Amino acid sequence: MPKIKRPPKYAKLRNYAVIYWNGKTHYLGLYASPESRKEYARICAEIEGNPTLCLQGAESLTLDEVAIAYLDHAERLFGKSHYENYRTALKCATDLYGHRPVDEFSPLKLMTVRDEMVRAKGEDWCRNTINRNVDRIRTALSWGVSRELVDGGAPKNKIVAAILAFFLGELGIHWFYLGEKNKAVTYLGVFIGSLVLCLIFIGLIGVVVMVILALIDAIKLLMMSNEDFDAMYNS
């Protein structure tokens, strides 16, 4: 007689309710929330009717849920003042897309949020303030990616790319981050080849050239406007 699978356990992973089924983790929403309980009950009912069910995955977390999780993290890490800055920035995004799955929050939607900031806050916020708030939204999404709450397709961060270029650019790490694999492999190959040639005092120039190119890349990334960066690397 075949063994019947029991419904999965309602479990907690950080601040979120999850189930483990067929070797995969399925997010249900915030732990102990009515929405997560309702989703759990729905899945259990489906499994009871079809014990061999292979779930395609519960709906991804909403932008609201990821924002709440990040703000909890930000308050503990940065303190009250920085928390308020991030709360203000994220509210601009959640007012428009908070109810939608966070995995649908594309670079185009981020640009829409920025345009809404200009329209609604243009008289109170200068351009630098708006750009900083857009960067705060990117930071929150990048944190979500690192915690596996958001799909890795979240928008890339210009400042992160510039820092990688400054410190590890000769290895092409910033190009790997930006998805430019051909450039990344070229940088890495030239640098390693130059190091090998350094053993016979020929490749030192190549190493110096790669370091200079990496510094130039870092400066270009920092000087690039957020709009141009998104159009080139987040579209």
C-alpha atoms as a PDB file:
ATOM      1  CA  MET A   1       0.000   0.000   0.000  1.00  0.00           C
ATOM      2  CA  PRO A   2       1.589   3.349  -1.035  1.00  0.00           C
ATOM      3  CA  LYS A   3       2.521   5.748   1.738  1.00  0.00           C
ATOM      4  CA  ILE A   4       0.267   8.806   1.870  1.00  0.00           C
ATOM      5  CA  LYS A   5       2.005  12.133   2.317  1.00  0.00           C
ATOM      6  CA  ARG A   6       0.824  14.229   5.223  1.00  0.00           C
ATOM      7  CA  PRO A   7       0.221  17.965   4.727  1.00  0.00           C
ATOM      8  CA  PRO A   8       3.344  20.043   5.347  1.00  0.00           C
ATOM      9  CA  LYS A   9       3.906  21.827   8.639  1.00  0.00           C
ATOM     10  CA  TYR A  10       3.220  25.556   8.972  1.00  0.00           C
ATOM     11  CA  ALA A  11       6.732  26.750   9.778  1.00  0.00           C
ATOM     12  CA  LYS A  12       8.560  30.004  10.502  1.00  0.00           C
ATOM     13  CA  LEU A  13      11.568  31.247   8.515  1.00  0.00           C
ATOM     14  CA  ARG A  14      12.766  34.590   9.885  1.00  0.00           C
ATOM     15  CA  ASN A  15       9.570  36.710   9.899  1.00  0.00           C
ATOM     16  CA  TYR A  16       7.782  34.630   7.289  1.00  0.00           C
ATOM     17  CA  ALA A  17       5.490  31.632   7.206  1.00  0.00           C
ATOM     18  CA  VAL A  18       6.688  28.830   4.953  1.00  0.00           C
ATOM     19  CA  ILE A  19       6.032  25.215   4.114  1.00  0.00           C
ATOM     20  CA  TYR A  20       8.543  22.655   2.888  1.00  0.00           C
ATOM     21  CA  TRP A  21       7.146  20.408   0.182  1.00  0.00           C
ATOM     22  CA  ASN A  22       8.882  18.155  -2.319  1.00  0.00           C
ATOM     23  CA  GLY A  23      12.275  19.550  -1.373  1.00  0.00           C
ATOM     24  CA  LYS A  24      11.333  23.205  -1.912  1.00  0.00           C
ATOM     25  CA  THR A  25      10.500  26.156   0.321  1.00  0.00           C
ATOM     26  CA  HIS A  26       7.193  27.934  -0.375  1.00  0.00           C
ATOM     27  CA  TYR A  27       6.540  31.364   1.167  1.00  0.00           C
ATOM     28  CA  LEU A  28       3.026  32.045   2.460  1.00  0.00           C
ATOM     29  CA  GLY A  29       3.386  35.605   3.781  1.00  0.00           C
ATOM     30  CA  LEU A  30       4.212  37.149   7.141  1.00  0.00           C
ATOM     31  CA  TYR A  31       4.254  34.581   9.954  1.00  0.00           C
ATOM     32  CA  ALA A  32       0.971  34.240  11.882  1.00  0.00           C
ATOM     33  CA  SER A  33      -0.795  36.720   9.596  1.00  0.00           C
ATOM     34  CA  PRO A  34      -4.379  35.908   8.498  1.00  0.00           C
ATOM     35  CA  GLU A  35      -3.237  35.891   4.864  1.00  0.00           C
ATOM     36  CA  SER A  36      -0.538  33.282   5.493  1.00  0.00           C
ATOM     37  CA  ARG A  37      -2.971  31.097   7.472  1.00  0.00           C
ATOM     38  CA  LYS A  38      -5.503  31.316   4.653  1.00  0.00           C
ATOM     39  CA  GLU A  39      -2.856  30.391   2.070  1.00  0.00           C
ATOM     40  CA  TYR A  40      -1.708  27.472   4.238  1.00  0.00           C
ATOM     41  CA  ALA A  41      -5.269  26.179   4.563  1.00  0.00           C
ATOM     42  CA  ARG A  42      -5.760  26.422   0.799  1.00  0.00           C
ATOM     43  CA  ILE A  43      -2.579  24.466   0.067  1.00  0.00           C
ATOM     44  CA  CYS A  44      -3.397  21.795   2.649  1.00  0.00           C
ATOM     45  CA  ALA A  45      -6.844  21.350   1.098  1.00  0.00           C
ATOM     46  CA  GLU A  46      -5.291  20.904  -2.346  1.00  0.00           C
ATOM     47  CA  ILE A  47      -2.735  18.405  -1.021  1.00  0.00           C
ATOM     48  CA  GLU A  48      -5.465  16.418   0.774  1.00  0.00           C
ATOM     49  CA  GLY A  49      -7.347  16.127  -2.505  1.00  0.00           C
ATOM     50  CA  ASN A  50      -4.202  15.231  -4.430  1.00  0.00           C
ATOM     51  CA  PRO A  51      -1.366  13.897  -2.215  1.00  0.00           C
ATOM     52  CA  THR A  52       1.024  13.720  -5.183  1.00  0.00           C
ATOM     53  CA  LEU A  53       0.545  17.420  -5.891  1.00  0.00           C
ATOM     54  CA  CYS A  54       3.721  19.163  -7.012  1.00  0.00           C
ATOM     55  CA  LEU A  55       3.331  22.782  -5.984  1.00  0.00           C
ATOM     56  CA  GLN A  56       4.495  25.381  -8.446  1.00  0.00           C
ATOM     57  CA  GLY A  57       5.178  27.685  -5.524  1.00  0.00           C
ATOM     58  CA  ALA A  58       2.977  29.941  -3.474  1.00  0.00           C
ATOM     59  CA  GLU A  59       2.730  33.528  -4.584  1.00  0.00           C
ATOM     60  CA  SER A  60       5.879  35.517  -3.924  1.00  0.00           C
ATOM     61  CA  LEU A  61       5.914  38.010  -1.086  1.00  0.00           C
ATOM     62  CA  THR A  62       4.353  41.365  -1.775  1.00  0.00           C
ATOM     63  CA  LEU A  63       6.373  44.550  -1.855  1.00  0.00           C
ATOM     64  CA  ASP A  64       4.594  45.569   1.369  1.00  0.00           C
ATOM     65  CA  GLU A  65       5.846  42.449   3.141  1.00  0.00           C
ATOM     66  CA  VAL A  66       9.449  42.862   1.986  1.00  0.00           C
ATOM     67  CA  ALA A  67       9.354  46.552   2.947  1.00  0.00           C
ATOM     68  CA  ILE A  68       8.128  45.682   6.465  1.00  0.00           C
ATOM     69  CA  ALA A  69      10.876  43.075   6.851  1.00  0.00           C
ATOM     70  CA  TYR A  70      13.570  45.479   5.651  1.00  0.00           C
ATOM     71  CA  LEU A  71      12.377  48.308   7.904  1.00  0.00           C
ATOM     72  CA  ASP A  72      12.564  45.962  10.882  1.00  0.00           C
ATOM     73  CA  HIS A  73      16.142  45.170   9.848  1.00  0.00           C
ATOM     74  CA  ALA A  74      16.978  48.844   9.215  1.00  0.00           C
ATOM     75  CA  GLU A  75      15.704  50.007  12.600  1.00  0.00           C
ATOM     76  CA  ARG A  76      17.868  47.480  14.414  1.00  0.00           C
ATOM     77  CA  LEU A  77      20.914  48.147  12.233  1.00  0.00           C
ATOM     78  CA  PHE A  78      20.813  51.903  11.607  1.00  0.00           C
ATOM     79  CA  GLY A  79      18.706  53.394  14.397  1.00  0.00           C
ATOM     80  CA  LYS A  80      15.599  55.571  14.330  1.00  0.00           C
ATOM     81  CA  SER A  81      16.834  58.418  12.087  1.00  0.00           C
ATOM     82  CA  HIS A  82      17.954  56.170   9.219  1.00  0.00           C
ATOM     83  CA  TYR A  83      14.839  54.044   9.690  1.00  0.00           C
ATOM     84  CA  GLU A  84      12.643  57.103   9.029  1.00  0.00           C
ATOM     85  CA  ASN A  85      14.585  57.875   5.837  1.00  0.00           C
ATOM     86  CA  TYR A  86      14.050  54.341   4.526  1.00  0.00           C
ATOM     87  CA  ARG A  87      10.416  54.299   5.640  1.00  0.00           C
ATOM     88  CA  THR A  88       9.748  57.506   3.684  1.00  0.00           C
ATOM     89  CA  ALA A  89      11.452  56.165   0.571  1.00  0.00           C
ATOM     90  CA  LEU A  90       9.757  52.764   0.667  1.00  0.00           C
ATOM     91  CA  LYS A  91       6.339  54.319   1.247  1.00  0.00           C
ATOM     92  CA  CYS A  92       6.615  55.958  -2.173  1.00  0.00           C
ATOM     93  CA  ALA A  93       6.999  52.492  -3.704  1.00  0.00           C
ATOM     94  CA  THR A  94       4.430  50.683  -1.564  1.00  0.00           C
ATOM     95  CA  ASP A  95       1.779  53.350  -2.179  1.00  0.00           C
ATOM     96  CA  LEU A  96       1.872  52.349  -5.843  1.00  0.00           C
ATOM     97  CA  TYR A  97       2.852  48.669  -5.818  1.00  0.00           C
ATOM     98  CA  GLY A  98       2.700  47.482  -2.200  1.00  0.00           C
ATOM     99  CA  HIS A  99      -0.045  44.927  -2.885  1.00  0.00           C
ATOM    100  CA  ARG A 100       1.759  43.416  -5.870  1.00  0.00           C
ATOM    101  CA  PRO A 101       4.263  40.505  -5.725  1.00  0.00           C
ATOM    102  CA  VAL A 102       7.734  41.934  -5.173  1.00  0.00           C
ATOM    103  CA  ASP A 103       9.138  39.833  -8.031  1.00  0.00           C
ATOM    104  CA  GLU A 104       7.043  41.964 -10.409  1.00  0.00           C
ATOM    105  CA  PHE A 105       8.746  45.171  -9.231  1.00  0.00           C
ATOM    106  CA  SER A 106      10.769  45.775 -12.385  1.00  0.00           C
ATOM    107  CA  PRO A 107      13.187  48.640 -13.213  1.00  0.00           C
ATOM    108  CA  LEU A 108      10.365  50.249 -15.208  1.00  0.00           C
ATOM    109  CA  LYS A 109       8.180  50.310 -12.086  1.00  0.00           C
ATOM    110  CA  LEU A 110      11.054  51.824 -10.115  1.00  0.00           C
ATOM    111  CA  MET A 111      11.276  54.596 -12.700  1.00  0.00           C
ATOM    112  CA  THR A 112       7.502  55.097 -12.347  1.00  0.00           C
ATOM    113  CA  VAL A 113       7.986  55.490  -8.586  1.00  0.00           C
ATOM    114  CA  ARG A 114      10.698  58.051  -9.220  1.00  0.00           C
ATOM    115  CA  ASP A 115       8.455  59.993 -11.606  1.00  0.00           C
ATOM    116  CA  GLU A 116       5.709  59.980  -8.965  1.00  0.00           C
ATOM    117  CA  MET A 117       8.195  61.356  -6.421  1.00  0.00           C
ATOM    118  CA  VAL A 118       8.954  64.208  -8.803  1.00  0.00           C
ATOM    119  CA  ARG A 119       5.255  64.876  -9.369  1.00  0.00           C
ATOM    120  CA  ALA A 120       4.084  64.608  -5.775  1.00  0.00           C
ATOM    121  CA  LYS A 121       7.148  65.811  -3.872  1.00  0.00           C
ATOM    122  CA  GLY A 122       8.862  68.010  -6.431  1.00  0.00           C
ATOM    123  CA  GLU A 123       8.204  71.202  -4.483  1.00  0.00           C
ATOM    124  CA  ASP A 124       9.584  69.752  -1.210  1.00  0.00           C
ATOM    125  CA  TRP A 125      12.316  67.383  -2.416  1.00  0.00           C
ATOM    126  CA  CYS A 126      15.320  68.405  -4.505  1.00  0.00           C
ATOM    127  CA  ARG A 127      16.714  66.096  -7.179  1.00  0.00           C
ATOM    128  CA  ASN A 128      19.416  64.742  -4.835  1.00  0.00           C
ATOM    129  CA  THR A 129      16.801  63.816  -2.222  1.00  0.00           C
ATOM    130  CA  ILE A 130      14.722  61.985  -4.814  1.00  0.00           C
ATOM    131  CA  ASN A 131      17.784  60.117  -6.115  1.00  0.00           C
ATOM    132  CA  ARG A 132      18.786  59.132  -2.575  1.00  0.00           C
ATOM    133  CA  ASN A 133      15.297  57.765  -1.938  1.00  0.00           C
ATOM    134  CA  VAL A 134      15.424  55.761  -5.160  1.00  0.00           C
ATOM    135  CA  ASP A 135      18.773  54.346  -4.018  1.00  0.00           C
ATOM    136  CA  ARG A 136      17.213  53.439  -0.657  1.00  0.00           C
ATOM    137  CA  ILE A 137      14.536  51.434  -2.474  1.00  0.00           C
ATOM    138  CA  ARG A 138      17.277  49.644  -4.439  1.00  0.00           C
ATOM    139  CA  THR A 139      19.115  48.904  -1.191  1.00  0.00           C
ATOM    140  CA  ALA A 140      16.000  47.367   0.352  1.00  0.00           C
ATOM    141  CA  LEU A 141      15.446  45.163  -2.700  1.00  0.00           C
ATOM    142  CA  SER A 142      19.117  44.114  -2.753  1.00  0.00           C
ATOM    143  CA  TRP A 143      18.758  43.118   0.900  1.00  0.00           C
ATOM    144  CA  GLY A 144      15.672  41.103  -0.047  1.00  0.00           C
ATOM    145  CA  VAL A 145      17.687  39.289  -2.703  1.00  0.00           C
ATOM    146  CA  SER A 146      20.425  38.461  -0.157  1.00  0.00           C
ATOM    147  CA  ARG A 147      17.755  36.979   2.160  1.00  0.00           C
ATOM    148  CA  GLU A 148      16.165  35.065  -0.747  1.00  0.00           C
ATOM    149  CA  LEU A 149      12.926  37.023  -0.329  1.00  0.00           C
ATOM    150  CA  VAL A 150      13.191  38.598  -3.771  1.00  0.00           C
ATOM    151  CA  ASP A 151      14.116  37.057  -7.090  1.00  0.00           C
ATOM    152  CA  GLY A 152      17.680  37.885  -8.137  1.00  0.00           C
ATOM    153  CA  GLY A 153      16.378  40.015 -10.971  1.00  0.00           C
ATOM    154  CA  ALA A 154      15.927  42.988  -8.660  1.00  0.00           C
ATOM    155  CA  PRO A 155      17.445  46.293  -9.846  1.00  0.00           C
ATOM    156  CA  LYS A 156      21.220  46.620  -9.602  1.00  0.00           C
ATOM    157  CA  ASN A 157      22.772  49.414  -7.551  1.00  0.00           C
ATOM    158  CA  LYS A 158      25.070  51.977  -9.184  1.00  0.00           C
ATOM    159  CA  ILE A 159      26.994  52.639  -5.961  1.00  0.00           C
ATOM    160  CA  VAL A 160      27.608  48.923  -5.395  1.00  0.00           C
ATOM    161  CA  ALA A 161      28.904  48.589  -8.966  1.00  0.00           C
ATOM    162  CA  ALA A 162      31.242  51.573  -8.498  1.00  0.00           C
ATOM    163  CA  ILE A 163      32.612  50.191  -5.208  1.00  0.00           C
ATOM    164  CA  LEU A 164      33.265  46.818  -6.821  1.00  0.00           C
ATOM    165  CA  ALA A 165      35.019  48.559  -9.709  1.00  0.00           C
ATOM    166  CA  PHE A 166      37.192  50.612  -7.334  1.00  0.00           C
ATOM    167  CA  PHE A 167      38.335  47.725  -5.136  1.00  0.00           C
ATOM    168  CA  LEU A 168      38.111  44.672  -7.420  1.00  0.00           C
ATOM    169  CA  GLY A 169      37.711  46.172 -10.858  1.00  0.00           C
ATOM    170  CA  GLU A 170      40.953  44.779 -12.302  1.00  0.00           C
ATOM    171  CA  LEU A 171      39.371  41.330 -11.819  1.00  0.00           C
ATOM    172  CA  GLY A 172      36.207  42.377 -13.662  1.00  0.00           C
ATOM    173  CA  ILE A 173      34.011  41.784 -10.593  1.00  0.00           C
ATOM    174  CA  HIS A 174      31.883  44.873 -11.304  1.00  0.00           C
ATOM    175  CA  TRP A 175      31.128  43.585 -14.801  1.00  0.00           C
ATOM    176  CA  PHE A 176      30.073  40.207 -13.384  1.00  0.00           C
ATOM    177  CA  TYR A 177      27.725  42.095 -11.030  1.00  0.00           C
ATOM    178  CA  LEU A 178      26.273  44.103 -13.921  1.00  0.00           C
ATOM    179  CA  GLY A 179      25.783  40.995 -16.061  1.00  0.00           C
ATOM    180  CA  GLU A 180      28.432  41.977 -18.627  1.00  0.00           C
ATOM    181  CA  LYS A 181      30.083  38.548 -18.733  1.00  0.00           C
ATOM    182  CA  ASN A 182      32.187  39.117 -21.856  1.00  0.00           C
ATOM    183  CA  LYS A 183      33.782  42.248 -20.395  1.00  0.00           C
ATOM    184  CA  ALA A 184      34.222  40.512 -17.051  1.00  0.00           C
ATOM    185  CA  VAL A 185      36.027  37.513 -18.558  1.00  0.00           C
ATOM    186  CA  THR A 186      38.229  39.829 -20.643  1.00  0.00           C
ATOM    187  CA  TYR A 187      39.262  41.864 -17.587  1.00  0.00           C
ATOM    188  CA  LEU A 188      39.923  38.726 -15.545  1.00  0.00           C
ATOM    189  CA  GLY A 189      41.880  37.028 -18.329  1.00  0.00           C
ATOM    190  CA  VAL A 190      44.095  40.042 -19.045  1.00  0.00           C
ATOM    191  CA  PHE A 191      44.794  40.567 -15.336  1.00  0.00           C
ATOM    192  CA  ILE A 192      45.714  36.923 -14.702  1.00  0.00           C
ATOM    193  CA  GLY A 193      47.844  36.856 -17.867  1.00  0.00           C
ATOM    194  CA  SER A 194      49.634  40.009 -16.750  1.00  0.00           C
ATOM    195  CA  LEU A 195      50.322  38.515 -13.329  1.00  0.00           C
ATOM    196  CA  VAL A 196      51.871  35.460 -14.964  1.00  0.00           C
ATOM    197  CA  LEU A 197      54.035  37.662 -17.179  1.00  0.00           C
ATOM    198  CA  CYS A 198      55.090  39.634 -14.124  1.00  0.00           C
ATOM    199  CA  LEU A 199      57.221  36.639 -13.212  1.00  0.00           C
ATOM    200  CA  ILE A 200      59.471  37.584 -16.101  1.00  0.00           C
ATOM    201  CA  PHE A 201      59.013  41.363 -15.556  1.00  0.00           C
ATOM    202  CA  ILE A 202      56.939  41.892 -18.701  1.00  0.00           C
ATOM    203  CA  GLY A 203      53.384  41.932 -17.401  1.00  0.00           C
ATOM    204  CA  LEU A 204      53.717  44.704 -14.809  1.00  0.00           C
ATOM    205  CA  ILE A 205      52.492  47.267 -17.336  1.00  0.00           C
ATOM    206  CA  GLY A 206      49.399  45.144 -18.009  1.00  0.00           C
ATOM    207  CA  VAL A 207      48.556  45.012 -14.295  1.00  0.00           C
ATOM    208  CA  VAL A 208      48.906  48.783 -13.990  1.00  0.00           C
ATOM    209  CA  VAL A 209      46.740  49.312 -17.075  1.00  0.00           C
ATOM    210  CA  MET A 210      43.980  47.072 -15.682  1.00  0.00           C
ATOM    211  CA  VAL A 211      44.001  48.932 -12.354  1.00  0.00           C
ATOM    212  CA  ILE A 212      43.711  52.258 -14.201  1.00  0.00           C
ATOM    213  CA  LEU A 213      40.864  50.936 -16.374  1.00  0.00           C
ATOM    214  CA  ALA A 214      39.044  49.745 -13.246  1.00  0.00           C
ATOM    215  CA  LEU A 215      39.374  53.203 -11.663  1.00  0.00           C
ATOM    216  CA  ILE A 216      38.029  54.791 -14.848  1.00  0.00           C
ATOM    217  CA  ASP A 217      35.068  52.375 -14.790  1.00  0.00           C
ATOM    218  CA  ALA A 218      34.356  53.317 -11.164  1.00  0.00           C
ATOM    219  CA  ILE A 219      34.379  57.038 -11.990  1.00  0.00           C
ATOM    220  CA  LYS A 220      32.140  56.544 -15.035  1.00  0.00           C
ATOM    221  CA  LEU A 221      29.617  54.580 -12.968  1.00  0.00           C
ATOM    222  CA  LEU A 222      29.547  57.242 -10.267  1.00  0.00           C
ATOM    223  CA  MET A 223      29.121  60.029 -12.820  1.00  0.00           C
ATOM    224  CA  MET A 224      26.343  58.192 -14.674  1.00  0.00           C
ATOM    225  CA  SER A 225      22.824  59.423 -13.946  1.00  0.00           C
ATOM    226  CA  ASN A 226      20.399  56.990 -12.336  1.00  0.00           C
ATOM    227  CA  GLU A 227      18.219  57.128 -15.445  1.00  0.00           C
ATOM    228  CA  ASP A 228      21.098  56.164 -17.741  1.00  0.00           C
ATOM    229  CA  PHE A 229      22.252  53.423 -15.346  1.00  0.00           C
ATOM    230  CA  ASP A 230      18.768  51.889 -15.210  1.00  0.00           C
ATOM    231  CA  ALA A 231      18.389  52.083 -18.977  1.00  0.00           C
ATOM    232  CA  MET A 232      21.730  50.332 -19.514  1.00  0.00           C
ATOM    233  CA  TYR A 233      21.844  47.724 -16.742  1.00  0.00           C
ATOM    234  CA  ASN A 234      18.327  47.379 -15.286  1.00  0.00           C
ATOM    235  CA  SER A 235      16.186  47.242 -18.423  1.00  0.00           C
END
